[in-house]
């Protein structure tokens, strides 16, 4: 986690104010706490706490993979209709962990009709972040 203040230093005239842009760069989910310290010549240090909560999934499905339909959200992979005793059919796609911790996946299979009635807030698979065991 990195927090950048812009401008990081400068002069502030009497009875004036300036906007300070605060940008947060992150590569991990979780709650982060720190203390911002500002030094003003001749005065005690000015301190205030910073608390940041970052959520979301570190997983992405890289684009331009043959066989994935990117018109749907999330992308889908269609399989042909198979008859009883057909040879097995397999396809491969890639996912990428953009985070800094191991990710354990638990995949679920569901009927395509369920996808059409699915609440977009429902998770399609379970993700746990932490040590791989």
Protein backbone atom coordinates (compact mmCIF):
# COMPACT_ATOMS: atom_id res chain seq x y z
CA UNK A 1 0.00 0.00 0.00
CA UNK A 2 1.31 3.45 -0.88
CA UNK A 3 -0.34 6.77 -0.09
CA UNK A 4 0.82 9.81 -2.06
CA UNK A 5 -0.04 13.41 -1.24
CA UNK A 6 0.16 15.99 -4.03
CA UNK A 7 1.52 18.55 -3.53
CA UNK A 8 3.80 16.82 -1.02
CA UNK A 9 5.30 20.10 0.20
CA UNK A 10 5.06 23.81 -0.44
CA UNK A 11 4.16 27.18 1.03
CA UNK A 12 0.71 28.03 2.34
CA UNK A 13 0.02 31.77 2.60
CA UNK A 14 -1.76 33.17 5.69
CA UNK A 15 -5.56 32.61 5.69
CA UNK A 16 -5.39 30.54 2.51
CA UNK A 17 -6.15 26.98 1.62
CA UNK A 18 -5.14 24.57 -1.13
CA UNK A 19 -6.58 21.23 -2.20
CA UNK A 20 -4.41 18.20 -1.51
CA UNK A 21 -4.89 15.17 -3.76
CA UNK A 22 -4.49 11.89 -1.90
CA UNK A 23 -3.85 8.87 -4.13
CA UNK A 24 -3.78 5.31 -2.81
CA UNK A 25 -1.91 2.60 -4.70
CA UNK A 26 -2.62 -0.95 -3.60
CA UNK A 27 -1.96 -4.55 -4.52
CA UNK A 28 -3.62 -6.33 -1.61
CA UNK A 29 -7.05 -6.54 -0.01
CA UNK A 30 -7.55 -5.81 3.66
CA UNK A 31 -7.71 -3.06 6.23
CA UNK A 32 -4.66 -0.83 6.58
CA UNK A 33 -3.99 1.78 9.24
CA UNK A 34 -1.21 4.32 9.51
CA UNK A 35 -0.53 7.82 10.81
CA UNK A 36 -0.03 10.85 8.56
CA UNK A 37 2.60 13.19 9.98
CA UNK A 38 3.06 16.76 8.76
CA UNK A 39 6.03 18.84 9.80
CA UNK A 40 5.60 22.61 10.08
CA UNK A 41 8.75 24.50 10.94
CA UNK A 42 8.64 25.77 14.53
CA UNK A 43 5.48 23.82 15.50
CA UNK A 44 4.87 20.38 17.02
CA UNK A 45 4.28 17.55 14.56
CA UNK A 46 0.73 17.45 13.20
CA UNK A 47 -0.60 13.86 13.18
CA UNK A 48 -3.84 12.25 12.10
CA UNK A 49 -4.75 8.60 11.54
CA UNK A 50 -5.35 7.08 8.13
CA UNK A 51 -7.57 4.02 7.76
CA UNK A 52 -8.06 2.34 4.38
CA UNK A 53 -10.20 -0.70 3.56
CA UNK A 54 -9.55 -2.37 0.21
CA UNK A 55 -11.90 -5.04 -1.07
CA UNK A 56 -12.45 -6.93 -4.26
CA UNK A 57 -10.97 -9.86 -6.04
CA UNK A 58 -7.32 -10.04 -7.06
CA UNK A 59 -8.32 -12.48 -9.82
CA UNK A 60 -8.75 -11.46 -13.43
CA UNK A 61 -9.52 -13.42 -16.57
CA UNK A 62 -7.00 -12.15 -19.12
CA UNK A 63 -8.60 -11.03 -22.37
CA UNK A 64 -8.20 -12.55 -25.84
CA UNK A 65 -8.46 -16.20 -24.87
CA UNK A 66 -9.85 -18.44 -27.58
CA UNK A 67 -13.12 -20.08 -26.53
CA UNK A 68 -14.22 -17.48 -23.98
CA UNK A 69 -17.29 -15.36 -24.65
CA UNK A 70 -16.52 -11.85 -23.38
CA UNK A 71 -19.99 -10.53 -24.29
CA UNK A 72 -21.31 -12.18 -21.11
CA UNK A 73 -20.42 -11.05 -17.62
CA UNK A 74 -18.59 -12.93 -16.30
CA UNK A 75 -17.05 -14.42 -19.46
CA UNK A 76 -18.46 -17.85 -20.33
CA UNK A 77 -17.09 -20.93 -22.05
CA UNK A 78 -19.54 -22.93 -24.15
CA UNK A 79 -19.26 -26.69 -24.54
CA UNK A 80 -20.95 -28.68 -27.32
CA UNK A 81 -23.96 -30.87 -26.67
CA UNK A 82 -22.77 -34.38 -25.89
CA UNK A 83 -24.57 -37.68 -26.22
CA UNK A 84 -24.21 -40.57 -23.80
CA UNK A 85 -20.84 -42.37 -24.02
CA UNK A 86 -19.22 -39.58 -26.06
CA UNK A 87 -15.49 -39.04 -25.70
CA UNK A 88 -14.53 -36.50 -23.07
CA UNK A 89 -14.29 -32.87 -24.09
CA UNK A 90 -11.94 -30.49 -22.33
CA UNK A 91 -11.09 -26.83 -22.72
CA UNK A 92 -8.54 -24.63 -21.01
CA UNK A 93 -8.57 -21.00 -19.96
CA UNK A 94 -6.30 -18.88 -17.80
CA UNK A 95 -6.93 -16.81 -14.69
CA UNK A 96 -4.40 -14.47 -13.13
CA UNK A 97 -3.82 -13.60 -9.49
CA UNK A 98 -2.83 -9.91 -9.45
CA UNK A 99 -2.46 -9.87 -5.66
CA UNK A 100 0.53 -10.45 -3.42
CA UNK A 101 -0.88 -13.47 -1.52
CA UNK A 102 -1.71 -17.03 -2.53
CA UNK A 103 -5.33 -17.59 -3.59
CA UNK A 104 -7.21 -20.87 -3.05
CA UNK A 105 -10.11 -21.48 -5.44
CA UNK A 106 -13.25 -23.59 -5.06
CA UNK A 107 -15.10 -23.89 -8.38
CA UNK A 108 -18.85 -24.47 -8.66
CA UNK A 109 -20.77 -25.84 -11.64
CA UNK A 110 -24.21 -24.42 -12.44
CA UNK A 111 -26.82 -24.58 -15.17
CA UNK A 112 -26.68 -21.79 -17.78
CA UNK A 113 -30.33 -20.99 -17.07
CA UNK A 114 -29.32 -20.21 -13.50
CA UNK A 115 -26.86 -17.66 -14.89
CA UNK A 116 -29.68 -15.69 -16.53
CA UNK A 117 -31.59 -15.39 -13.22
CA UNK A 118 -28.49 -14.84 -11.10
CA UNK A 119 -28.16 -11.85 -8.80
CA UNK A 120 -25.01 -10.02 -10.03
CA UNK A 121 -23.90 -9.63 -6.39
CA UNK A 122 -23.79 -13.41 -5.88
CA UNK A 123 -20.35 -14.97 -6.05
CA UNK A 124 -19.89 -17.59 -8.73
CA UNK A 125 -16.93 -19.15 -6.94
CA UNK A 126 -15.35 -18.87 -3.50
CA UNK A 127 -12.02 -17.18 -3.02
CA UNK A 128 -9.86 -17.27 0.08
CA UNK A 129 -6.67 -15.25 0.29
CA UNK A 130 -3.79 -16.38 2.45
CA UNK A 131 -1.24 -19.10 2.83
CA UNK A 132 -1.71 -22.00 0.44
CA UNK A 133 -2.28 -25.13 2.55
